[in-house]
Amino acid sequence: MNAADFAYLADLLKRRAGFHLSPNKTHLAASRLAPVARRYGFRKTDELFAELRDAPEDLARAVTDAMMINETSFFRDKPCFDHFRGVILPSLLSARAASRRLRIWCAAAATGQEAYSLAMILDEAKIAKDWRIDLIASDISGFAIARAIEGRYSQYEVQRGLQAQTLVRYFAQDGDHWRISEHLRRMVSFRTFNLLDSYGWLGEVDVIYCRNAFLYFEPLAKRACLKAFANVLAPDGYLALGASETMEGASTAFVPDDASVRGVYRKARHAIRPVALAS
């Protein structure tokens, strides 16, 4: 991949997804785009870029999709999920006792493992009969969302974070893979969504999980997303980022919820304002 094509790719990802492509990722980009080039009938990636410059939307979407990281696992960074089970969920169940409605958004959900991890915790809480639970999961990658909807994972993927009893309870073996139970799959509503687009479809949410996505974002895109998160998060809601992510220089709308659990935040008092509830 020549320097001009790499620069064009970096700019494309920045504009379309807020994604920062480091200058040292030339070989990674070439390896990820080679299958896209073959799928569209190009012999080389430079032919792909020649076509891409004419801005066909389907090709631009395929290139963006191929360059997304989509690294995830079940119960990734366990303390964050323990905090959801032991602190966040009980707190919200008490606060929402009158409405008996809970809305959780797993943004940048990749192939679905973290959304399904939340679904397992909610299922174990045995509140589905008496509560309306909206568990929404989204990702910019259509390929990742298709895999999440399918709910079929390799042995390697289920070994990352799942205990044996949890695997047996919520999965059935499907050849050399494991398929998540239909009951759990129905608990999650998946959709393709770019975090840089309008959040008008979402309405107010009680919890946002957006973990480790901002590690790859341009600073301006990160600030814009955090501002949008503050706008849709309930006044007493929670935001969970990755354990190594920080608000420093990006937003003052959130404050840490618990110093012992990295990456979990509440809305700062000055950022509280009403949000319309989705129907």
C-alpha atoms as a PDB file:
ATOM      1  CA  MET A   1       0.000   0.000   0.000  1.00  0.00           C
ATOM      2  CA  ASN A   2       1.502   3.298  -1.059  1.00  0.00           C
ATOM      3  CA  ALA A   3       1.594   6.407   1.123  1.00  0.00           C
ATOM      4  CA  ALA A   4      -1.136   8.225  -0.807  1.00  0.00           C
ATOM      5  CA  ASP A   5      -3.587   5.316  -0.498  1.00  0.00           C
ATOM      6  CA  PHE A   6      -2.820   4.928   3.199  1.00  0.00           C
ATOM      7  CA  ALA A   7      -3.396   8.646   3.791  1.00  0.00           C
ATOM      8  CA  TYR A   8      -6.700   8.434   1.920  1.00  0.00           C
ATOM      9  CA  LEU A   9      -7.721   5.431   4.028  1.00  0.00           C
ATOM     10  CA  ALA A  10      -6.814   7.214   7.266  1.00  0.00           C
ATOM     11  CA  ASP A  11      -8.879  10.232   6.258  1.00  0.00           C
ATOM     12  CA  LEU A  12     -11.815   8.032   5.209  1.00  0.00           C
ATOM     13  CA  LEU A  13     -11.873   6.252   8.566  1.00  0.00           C
ATOM     14  CA  LYS A  14     -11.587   9.537  10.450  1.00  0.00           C
ATOM     15  CA  ARG A  15     -14.520  11.061   8.535  1.00  0.00           C
ATOM     16  CA  ARG A  16     -16.769   8.018   8.573  1.00  0.00           C
ATOM     17  CA  ALA A  17     -16.073   6.518  11.983  1.00  0.00           C
ATOM     18  CA  GLY A  18     -13.933   8.913  14.033  1.00  0.00           C
ATOM     19  CA  PHE A  19     -11.275   6.207  13.843  1.00  0.00           C
ATOM     20  CA  HIS A  20      -7.585   7.046  14.208  1.00  0.00           C
ATOM     21  CA  LEU A  21      -5.372   4.917  11.974  1.00  0.00           C
ATOM     22  CA  SER A  22      -1.794   5.034  13.217  1.00  0.00           C
ATOM     23  CA  PRO A  23       0.955   5.557  10.618  1.00  0.00           C
ATOM     24  CA  ASN A  24       2.540   2.243  11.615  1.00  0.00           C
ATOM     25  CA  LYS A  25      -0.550   0.231  10.578  1.00  0.00           C
ATOM     26  CA  THR A  26       0.244  -0.027   6.861  1.00  0.00           C
ATOM     27  CA  HIS A  27       0.704  -3.806   6.877  1.00  0.00           C
ATOM     28  CA  LEU A  28      -2.407  -4.301   9.019  1.00  0.00           C
ATOM     29  CA  ALA A  29      -4.457  -2.206   6.609  1.00  0.00           C
ATOM     30  CA  ALA A  30      -3.159  -4.110   3.595  1.00  0.00           C
ATOM     31  CA  SER A  31      -3.958  -7.495   5.153  1.00  0.00           C
ATOM     32  CA  ARG A  32      -7.471  -6.435   6.180  1.00  0.00           C
ATOM     33  CA  LEU A  33      -8.333  -4.901   2.836  1.00  0.00           C
ATOM     34  CA  ALA A  34      -7.005  -7.754   0.694  1.00  0.00           C
ATOM     35  CA  PRO A  35     -10.183  -9.858   1.227  1.00  0.00           C
ATOM     36  CA  VAL A  36     -12.334  -6.810   0.414  1.00  0.00           C
ATOM     37  CA  ALA A  37     -10.401  -6.276  -2.816  1.00  0.00           C
ATOM     38  CA  ARG A  38     -10.902  -9.921  -3.811  1.00  0.00           C
ATOM     39  CA  ARG A  39     -14.609  -9.787  -2.959  1.00  0.00           C
ATOM     40  CA  TYR A  40     -15.070  -6.801  -5.278  1.00  0.00           C
ATOM     41  CA  GLY A  41     -13.016  -8.334  -8.076  1.00  0.00           C
ATOM     42  CA  PHE A  42      -9.836  -6.269  -7.716  1.00  0.00           C
ATOM     43  CA  ARG A  43      -6.473  -7.946  -8.134  1.00  0.00           C
ATOM     44  CA  LYS A  44      -4.636  -5.441  -5.927  1.00  0.00           C
ATOM     45  CA  THR A  45      -5.533  -2.963  -3.218  1.00  0.00           C
ATOM     46  CA  ASP A  46      -4.404  -0.036  -5.384  1.00  0.00           C
ATOM     47  CA  GLU A  47      -7.221  -0.937  -7.789  1.00  0.00           C
ATOM     48  CA  LEU A  48      -9.596  -0.885  -4.832  1.00  0.00           C
ATOM     49  CA  PHE A  49      -8.449   2.603  -3.860  1.00  0.00           C
ATOM     50  CA  ALA A  50      -8.836   3.867  -7.416  1.00  0.00           C
ATOM     51  CA  GLU A  51     -12.482   2.787  -7.282  1.00  0.00           C
ATOM     52  CA  LEU A  52     -12.913   3.986  -3.710  1.00  0.00           C
ATOM     53  CA  ARG A  53     -11.965   7.535  -4.691  1.00  0.00           C
ATOM     54  CA  ASP A  54     -15.110   7.636  -6.846  1.00  0.00           C
ATOM     55  CA  ALA A  55     -16.970   7.293  -3.520  1.00  0.00           C
ATOM     56  CA  PRO A  56     -19.271   4.290  -4.045  1.00  0.00           C
ATOM     57  CA  GLU A  57     -21.047   3.946  -0.696  1.00  0.00           C
ATOM     58  CA  ASP A  58     -21.098   0.148  -0.552  1.00  0.00           C
ATOM     59  CA  LEU A  59     -17.337  -0.082  -1.077  1.00  0.00           C
ATOM     60  CA  ALA A  60     -16.621   2.667   1.452  1.00  0.00           C
ATOM     61  CA  ARG A  61     -18.799   0.819   3.960  1.00  0.00           C
ATOM     62  CA  ALA A  62     -17.015  -2.479   3.295  1.00  0.00           C
ATOM     63  CA  VAL A  63     -13.595  -0.862   3.743  1.00  0.00           C
ATOM     64  CA  THR A  64     -14.659   0.822   6.987  1.00  0.00           C
ATOM     65  CA  ASP A  65     -16.148  -2.453   8.213  1.00  0.00           C
ATOM     66  CA  ALA A  66     -12.941  -4.354   7.490  1.00  0.00           C
ATOM     67  CA  MET A  67     -10.803  -1.875   9.414  1.00  0.00           C
ATOM     68  CA  MET A  68     -12.772  -1.960  12.664  1.00  0.00           C
ATOM     69  CA  ILE A  69     -11.057  -3.727  15.566  1.00  0.00           C
ATOM     70  CA  ASN A  70     -14.017  -5.756  16.967  1.00  0.00           C
ATOM     71  CA  GLU A  71     -11.933  -7.114  19.847  1.00  0.00           C
ATOM     72  CA  THR A  72     -14.188  -8.332  22.641  1.00  0.00           C
ATOM     73  CA  SER A  73     -14.950 -11.259  24.923  1.00  0.00           C
ATOM     74  CA  PHE A  74     -17.526 -12.459  27.407  1.00  0.00           C
ATOM     75  CA  PHE A  75     -17.392 -10.593  30.752  1.00  0.00           C
ATOM     76  CA  ARG A  76     -14.390  -8.644  29.539  1.00  0.00           C
ATOM     77  CA  ASP A  77     -12.718  -6.929  32.515  1.00  0.00           C
ATOM     78  CA  LYS A  78     -14.710  -8.855  35.101  1.00  0.00           C
ATOM     79  CA  PRO A  79     -14.767  -6.115  37.813  1.00  0.00           C
ATOM     80  CA  CYS A  80     -16.891  -3.934  35.541  1.00  0.00           C
ATOM     81  CA  PHE A  81     -19.516  -6.678  35.196  1.00  0.00           C
ATOM     82  CA  ASP A  82     -19.330  -7.511  38.899  1.00  0.00           C
ATOM     83  CA  HIS A  83     -20.059  -3.836  39.550  1.00  0.00           C
ATOM     84  CA  PHE A  84     -23.069  -3.998  37.238  1.00  0.00           C
ATOM     85  CA  ARG A  85     -24.381  -7.091  39.028  1.00  0.00           C
ATOM     86  CA  GLY A  86     -23.708  -5.929  42.568  1.00  0.00           C
ATOM     87  CA  VAL A  87     -24.141  -2.135  42.436  1.00  0.00           C
ATOM     88  CA  ILE A  88     -25.587  -0.707  39.221  1.00  0.00           C
ATOM     89  CA  LEU A  89     -28.447  -3.156  38.711  1.00  0.00           C
ATOM     90  CA  PRO A  90     -29.699  -3.139  42.344  1.00  0.00           C
ATOM     91  CA  SER A  91     -29.487   0.673  42.407  1.00  0.00           C
ATOM     92  CA  LEU A  92     -31.510   1.054  39.220  1.00  0.00           C
ATOM     93  CA  LEU A  93     -34.067  -1.580  40.200  1.00  0.00           C
ATOM     94  CA  SER A  94     -34.744   0.426  43.328  1.00  0.00           C
ATOM     95  CA  ALA A  95     -34.843   3.766  41.497  1.00  0.00           C
ATOM     96  CA  ARG A  96     -37.128   2.409  38.731  1.00  0.00           C
ATOM     97  CA  ALA A  97     -39.479   0.463  41.004  1.00  0.00           C
ATOM     98  CA  ALA A  98     -42.463   2.593  39.969  1.00  0.00           C
ATOM     99  CA  SER A  99     -42.000   2.376  36.197  1.00  0.00           C
ATOM    100  CA  ARG A 100     -40.468  -1.122  36.155  1.00  0.00           C
ATOM    101  CA  ARG A 101     -38.608  -0.230  33.003  1.00  0.00           C
ATOM    102  CA  LEU A 102     -34.867  -0.463  32.395  1.00  0.00           C
ATOM    103  CA  ARG A 103     -33.008   0.602  29.257  1.00  0.00           C
ATOM    104  CA  ILE A 104     -29.413  -0.465  28.629  1.00  0.00           C
ATOM    105  CA  TRP A 105     -27.367   0.385  25.554  1.00  0.00           C
ATOM    106  CA  CYS A 106     -24.273  -1.605  24.666  1.00  0.00           C
ATOM    107  CA  ALA A 107     -22.612   0.709  22.142  1.00  0.00           C
ATOM    108  CA  ALA A 108     -19.698  -0.519  20.012  1.00  0.00           C
ATOM    109  CA  ALA A 109     -20.915  -4.030  20.797  1.00  0.00           C
ATOM    110  CA  ALA A 110     -18.725  -5.742  18.172  1.00  0.00           C
ATOM    111  CA  THR A 111     -19.735  -9.430  17.864  1.00  0.00           C
ATOM    112  CA  GLY A 112     -22.053  -9.318  20.865  1.00  0.00           C
ATOM    113  CA  GLN A 113     -20.205 -10.969  23.728  1.00  0.00           C
ATOM    114  CA  GLU A 114     -20.519  -8.041  26.141  1.00  0.00           C
ATOM    115  CA  ALA A 115     -24.210  -7.513  25.344  1.00  0.00           C
ATOM    116  CA  TYR A 116     -24.893 -11.191  25.972  1.00  0.00           C
ATOM    117  CA  SER A 117     -22.872 -10.988  29.199  1.00  0.00           C
ATOM    118  CA  LEU A 118     -25.241  -8.256  30.402  1.00  0.00           C
ATOM    119  CA  ALA A 119     -28.192 -10.377  29.278  1.00  0.00           C
ATOM    120  CA  MET A 120     -26.946 -13.280  31.393  1.00  0.00           C
ATOM    121  CA  ILE A 121     -26.758 -11.055  34.474  1.00  0.00           C
ATOM    122  CA  LEU A 122     -30.262  -9.728  33.818  1.00  0.00           C
ATOM    123  CA  ASP A 123     -31.586 -13.250  33.304  1.00  0.00           C
ATOM    124  CA  GLU A 124     -30.032 -14.407  36.568  1.00  0.00           C
ATOM    125  CA  ALA A 125     -31.768 -11.491  38.324  1.00  0.00           C
ATOM    126  CA  LYS A 126     -35.141 -13.029  37.296  1.00  0.00           C
ATOM    127  CA  ILE A 127     -36.880  -9.733  36.609  1.00  0.00           C
ATOM    128  CA  ALA A 128     -38.049 -10.317  33.030  1.00  0.00           C
ATOM    129  CA  LYS A 129     -41.639 -11.217  33.979  1.00  0.00           C
ATOM    130  CA  ASP A 130     -42.268  -8.058  35.966  1.00  0.00           C
ATOM    131  CA  TRP A 131     -40.061  -5.541  34.164  1.00  0.00           C
ATOM    132  CA  ARG A 132     -39.716  -4.136  30.673  1.00  0.00           C
ATOM    133  CA  ILE A 133     -36.051  -4.555  29.852  1.00  0.00           C
ATOM    134  CA  ASP A 134     -34.693  -2.901  26.710  1.00  0.00           C
ATOM    135  CA  LEU A 135     -31.192  -4.213  26.047  1.00  0.00           C
ATOM    136  CA  ILE A 136     -29.955  -2.529  22.872  1.00  0.00           C
ATOM    137  CA  ALA A 137     -26.644  -3.383  21.228  1.00  0.00           C
ATOM    138  CA  SER A 138     -25.145  -1.534  18.282  1.00  0.00           C
ATOM    139  CA  ASP A 139     -21.966  -1.402  16.251  1.00  0.00           C
ATOM    140  CA  ILE A 140     -20.785   0.344  13.105  1.00  0.00           C
ATOM    141  CA  SER A 141     -19.756  -3.000  11.607  1.00  0.00           C
ATOM    142  CA  GLY A 142     -22.549  -4.795   9.806  1.00  0.00           C
ATOM    143  CA  PHE A 143     -20.426  -7.947   9.734  1.00  0.00           C
ATOM    144  CA  ALA A 144     -19.965  -7.857  13.512  1.00  0.00           C
ATOM    145  CA  ILE A 145     -23.671  -7.265  14.145  1.00  0.00           C
ATOM    146  CA  ALA A 146     -24.597 -10.155  11.836  1.00  0.00           C
ATOM    147  CA  ARG A 147     -22.363 -12.429  13.906  1.00  0.00           C
ATOM    148  CA  ALA A 148     -23.863 -11.095  17.125  1.00  0.00           C
ATOM    149  CA  ILE A 149     -27.384 -11.790  15.911  1.00  0.00           C
ATOM    150  CA  GLU A 150     -26.367 -15.304  14.908  1.00  0.00           C
ATOM    151  CA  GLY A 151     -24.947 -15.864  18.403  1.00  0.00           C
ATOM    152  CA  ARG A 152     -22.565 -18.595  17.268  1.00  0.00           C
ATOM    153  CA  TYR A 153     -19.086 -18.629  18.797  1.00  0.00           C
ATOM    154  CA  SER A 154     -15.944 -20.743  18.503  1.00  0.00           C
ATOM    155  CA  GLN A 155     -14.493 -22.812  21.321  1.00  0.00           C
ATOM    156  CA  TYR A 156     -11.786 -20.174  21.734  1.00  0.00           C
ATOM    157  CA  GLU A 157     -14.366 -17.396  22.034  1.00  0.00           C
ATOM    158  CA  VAL A 158     -16.492 -19.118  24.685  1.00  0.00           C
ATOM    159  CA  GLN A 159     -13.399 -20.031  26.688  1.00  0.00           C
ATOM    160  CA  ARG A 160     -12.613 -16.326  27.016  1.00  0.00           C
ATOM    161  CA  GLY A 161     -14.592 -15.290  30.078  1.00  0.00           C
ATOM    162  CA  LEU A 162     -17.240 -17.991  30.417  1.00  0.00           C
ATOM    163  CA  GLN A 163     -17.245 -20.478  33.263  1.00  0.00           C
ATOM    164  CA  ALA A 164     -18.234 -24.060  32.416  1.00  0.00           C
ATOM    165  CA  GLN A 165     -21.595 -23.879  34.203  1.00  0.00           C
ATOM    166  CA  THR A 166     -22.491 -20.656  32.404  1.00  0.00           C
ATOM    167  CA  LEU A 167     -21.575 -22.172  29.059  1.00  0.00           C
ATOM    168  CA  VAL A 168     -23.766 -25.218  29.675  1.00  0.00           C
ATOM    169  CA  ARG A 169     -26.659 -23.089  30.909  1.00  0.00           C
ATOM    170  CA  TYR A 170     -26.795 -20.601  28.046  1.00  0.00           C
ATOM    171  CA  PHE A 171     -25.243 -22.372  25.040  1.00  0.00           C
ATOM    172  CA  ALA A 172     -25.764 -25.501  22.979  1.00  0.00           C
ATOM    173  CA  GLN A 173     -22.976 -27.149  21.030  1.00  0.00           C
ATOM    174  CA  ASP A 174     -23.256 -26.652  17.272  1.00  0.00           C
ATOM    175  CA  GLY A 175     -20.577 -28.699  15.523  1.00  0.00           C
ATOM    176  CA  ASP A 176     -17.249 -27.265  16.633  1.00  0.00           C
ATOM    177  CA  HIS A 177     -18.971 -24.041  17.771  1.00  0.00           C
ATOM    178  CA  TRP A 178     -21.404 -23.011  20.489  1.00  0.00           C
ATOM    179  CA  ARG A 179     -24.736 -21.283  19.826  1.00  0.00           C
ATOM    180  CA  ILE A 180     -26.327 -19.031  22.425  1.00  0.00           C
ATOM    181  CA  SER A 181     -29.800 -19.930  23.639  1.00  0.00           C
ATOM    182  CA  GLU A 182     -32.765 -18.442  21.791  1.00  0.00           C
ATOM    183  CA  HIS A 183     -34.086 -17.141  25.102  1.00  0.00           C
ATOM    184  CA  LEU A 184     -30.969 -15.054  25.656  1.00  0.00           C
ATOM    185  CA  ARG A 185     -30.728 -13.959  22.033  1.00  0.00           C
ATOM    186  CA  ARG A 186     -34.273 -12.573  22.186  1.00  0.00           C
ATOM    187  CA  MET A 187     -33.284 -10.394  25.135  1.00  0.00           C
ATOM    188  CA  VAL A 188     -30.973  -8.271  22.964  1.00  0.00           C
ATOM    189  CA  SER A 189     -32.001  -5.940  20.145  1.00  0.00           C
ATOM    190  CA  PHE A 190     -29.102  -5.535  17.705  1.00  0.00           C
ATOM    191  CA  ARG A 191     -28.674  -2.810  15.102  1.00  0.00           C
ATOM    192  CA  THR A 192     -25.963  -1.263  12.965  1.00  0.00           C
ATOM    193  CA  PHE A 193     -25.165   2.260  14.151  1.00  0.00           C
ATOM    194  CA  ASN A 194     -22.338   4.746  13.728  1.00  0.00           C
ATOM    195  CA  LEU A 195     -21.607   6.599  16.970  1.00  0.00           C
ATOM    196  CA  LEU A 196     -21.019   9.774  14.940  1.00  0.00           C
ATOM    197  CA  ASP A 197     -24.611   9.743  13.626  1.00  0.00           C
ATOM    198  CA  SER A 198     -27.749  11.170  15.234  1.00  0.00           C
ATOM    199  CA  TYR A 199     -28.961   9.557  18.472  1.00  0.00           C
ATOM    200  CA  GLY A 200     -32.560  10.626  17.853  1.00  0.00           C
ATOM    201  CA  TRP A 201     -33.755   7.017  17.608  1.00  0.00           C
ATOM    202  CA  LEU A 202     -32.470   6.097  21.044  1.00  0.00           C
ATOM    203  CA  GLY A 203     -34.225   8.189  23.684  1.00  0.00           C
ATOM    204  CA  GLU A 204     -33.181   8.042  27.336  1.00  0.00           C
ATOM    205  CA  VAL A 205     -31.101   5.135  28.602  1.00  0.00           C
ATOM    206  CA  ASP A 206     -30.159   4.093  32.127  1.00  0.00           C
ATOM    207  CA  VAL A 207     -26.808   2.468  31.342  1.00  0.00           C
ATOM    208  CA  ILE A 208     -24.347   2.858  28.476  1.00  0.00           C
ATOM    209  CA  TYR A 209     -21.609   0.304  27.933  1.00  0.00           C
ATOM    210  CA  CYS A 210     -19.060   1.610  25.419  1.00  0.00           C
ATOM    211  CA  ARG A 211     -15.903  -0.177  26.365  1.00  0.00           C
ATOM    212  CA  ASN A 212     -12.523   0.319  24.699  1.00  0.00           C
ATOM    213  CA  ALA A 213     -13.937   1.862  21.494  1.00  0.00           C
ATOM    214  CA  PHE A 214     -12.482   5.282  22.302  1.00  0.00           C
ATOM    215  CA  LEU A 215      -8.968   3.843  22.369  1.00  0.00           C
ATOM    216  CA  TYR A 216      -9.102   4.089  18.565  1.00  0.00           C
ATOM    217  CA  PHE A 217     -11.025   7.371  18.214  1.00  0.00           C
ATOM    218  CA  GLU A 218      -9.786  10.760  17.135  1.00  0.00           C
ATOM    219  CA  PRO A 219      -9.982  13.210  20.095  1.00  0.00           C
ATOM    220  CA  LEU A 220     -12.685  15.361  18.469  1.00  0.00           C
ATOM    221  CA  ALA A 221     -14.820  12.305  17.712  1.00  0.00           C
ATOM    222  CA  LYS A 222     -14.427  11.058  21.276  1.00  0.00           C
ATOM    223  CA  ARG A 223     -15.542  14.411  22.682  1.00  0.00           C
ATOM    224  CA  ALA A 224     -18.558  14.493  20.365  1.00  0.00           C
ATOM    225  CA  CYS A 225     -19.622  10.982  21.385  1.00  0.00           C
ATOM    226  CA  LEU A 226     -19.270  11.672  25.098  1.00  0.00           C
ATOM    227  CA  LYS A 227     -21.366  14.815  24.698  1.00  0.00           C
ATOM    228  CA  ALA A 228     -24.039  12.746  22.948  1.00  0.00           C
ATOM    229  CA  PHE A 229     -23.836  10.094  25.681  1.00  0.00           C
ATOM    230  CA  ALA A 230     -24.448  12.749  28.323  1.00  0.00           C
ATOM    231  CA  ASN A 231     -27.491  13.935  26.385  1.00  0.00           C
ATOM    232  CA  VAL A 232     -29.173  10.507  26.293  1.00  0.00           C
ATOM    233  CA  LEU A 233     -28.112   9.145  29.678  1.00  0.00           C
ATOM    234  CA  ALA A 234     -30.644   9.379  32.509  1.00  0.00           C
ATOM    235  CA  PRO A 235     -29.748  11.826  35.319  1.00  0.00           C
ATOM    236  CA  ASP A 236     -28.927   8.921  37.632  1.00  0.00           C
ATOM    237  CA  GLY A 237     -27.579   6.689  34.869  1.00  0.00           C
ATOM    238  CA  TYR A 238     -24.220   4.957  34.491  1.00  0.00           C
ATOM    239  CA  LEU A 239     -21.573   4.961  31.776  1.00  0.00           C
ATOM    240  CA  ALA A 240     -19.034   2.145  31.510  1.00  0.00           C
ATOM    241  CA  LEU A 241     -15.877   2.679  29.459  1.00  0.00           C
ATOM    242  CA  GLY A 242     -12.839   0.429  29.225  1.00  0.00           C
ATOM    243  CA  ALA A 243     -10.615   0.135  32.279  1.00  0.00           C
ATOM    244  CA  SER A 244      -7.739   1.905  30.501  1.00  0.00           C
ATOM    245  CA  GLU A 245      -9.864   4.707  29.032  1.00  0.00           C
ATOM    246  CA  THR A 246     -10.095   8.127  30.587  1.00  0.00           C
ATOM    247  CA  MET A 247     -12.277  11.245  30.489  1.00  0.00           C
ATOM    248  CA  GLU A 248      -9.263  13.534  30.783  1.00  0.00           C
ATOM    249  CA  GLY A 249      -9.400  16.252  28.158  1.00  0.00           C
ATOM    250  CA  ALA A 250     -12.538  14.763  26.594  1.00  0.00           C
ATOM    251  CA  SER A 251     -15.506  15.517  28.879  1.00  0.00           C
ATOM    252  CA  THR A 252     -16.472  17.057  32.197  1.00  0.00           C
ATOM    253  CA  ALA A 253     -19.997  15.626  32.021  1.00  0.00           C
ATOM    254  CA  PHE A 254     -19.126  12.499  34.016  1.00  0.00           C
ATOM    255  CA  VAL A 255     -17.555  11.660  37.365  1.00  0.00           C
ATOM    256  CA  PRO A 256     -16.179   8.296  38.558  1.00  0.00           C
ATOM    257  CA  ASP A 257     -18.768   6.124  40.278  1.00  0.00           C
ATOM    258  CA  ASP A 258     -16.394   4.062  42.384  1.00  0.00           C
ATOM    259  CA  ALA A 259     -12.665   4.614  42.716  1.00  0.00           C
ATOM    260  CA  SER A 260     -12.113   0.864  43.062  1.00  0.00           C
ATOM    261  CA  VAL A 261     -13.721   0.085  39.666  1.00  0.00           C
ATOM    262  CA  ARG A 262     -11.976   1.738  36.761  1.00  0.00           C
ATOM    263  CA  GLY A 263     -14.016   3.002  33.842  1.00  0.00           C
ATOM    264  CA  VAL A 264     -17.465   3.338  35.483  1.00  0.00           C
ATOM    265  CA  TYR A 265     -18.965   6.825  35.653  1.00  0.00           C
ATOM    266  CA  ARG A 266     -22.054   8.738  36.727  1.00  0.00           C
ATOM    267  CA  LYS A 267     -23.393  11.959  35.272  1.00  0.00           C
ATOM    268  CA  ALA A 268     -21.897  15.103  36.779  1.00  0.00           C
ATOM    269  CA  ARG A 269     -24.455  17.347  38.473  1.00  0.00           C
ATOM    270  CA  HIS A 270     -23.970  20.201  35.988  1.00  0.00           C
ATOM    271  CA  ALA A 271     -24.640  17.834  33.051  1.00  0.00           C
ATOM    272  CA  ILE A 272     -28.042  16.653  34.248  1.00  0.00           C
ATOM    273  CA  ARG A 273     -30.928  17.603  32.011  1.00  0.00           C
ATOM    274  CA  PRO A 274     -34.152  15.834  30.945  1.00  0.00           C
ATOM    275  CA  VAL A 275     -34.187  13.503  27.933  1.00  0.00           C
ATOM    276  CA  ALA A 276     -37.239  12.306  26.007  1.00  0.00           C
ATOM    277  CA  LEU A 277     -38.088   8.674  26.672  1.00  0.00           C
ATOM    278  CA  ALA A 278     -38.355   6.412  23.642  1.00  0.00           C
ATOM    279  CA  SER A 279     -41.674   4.652  23.190  1.00  0.00           C
END
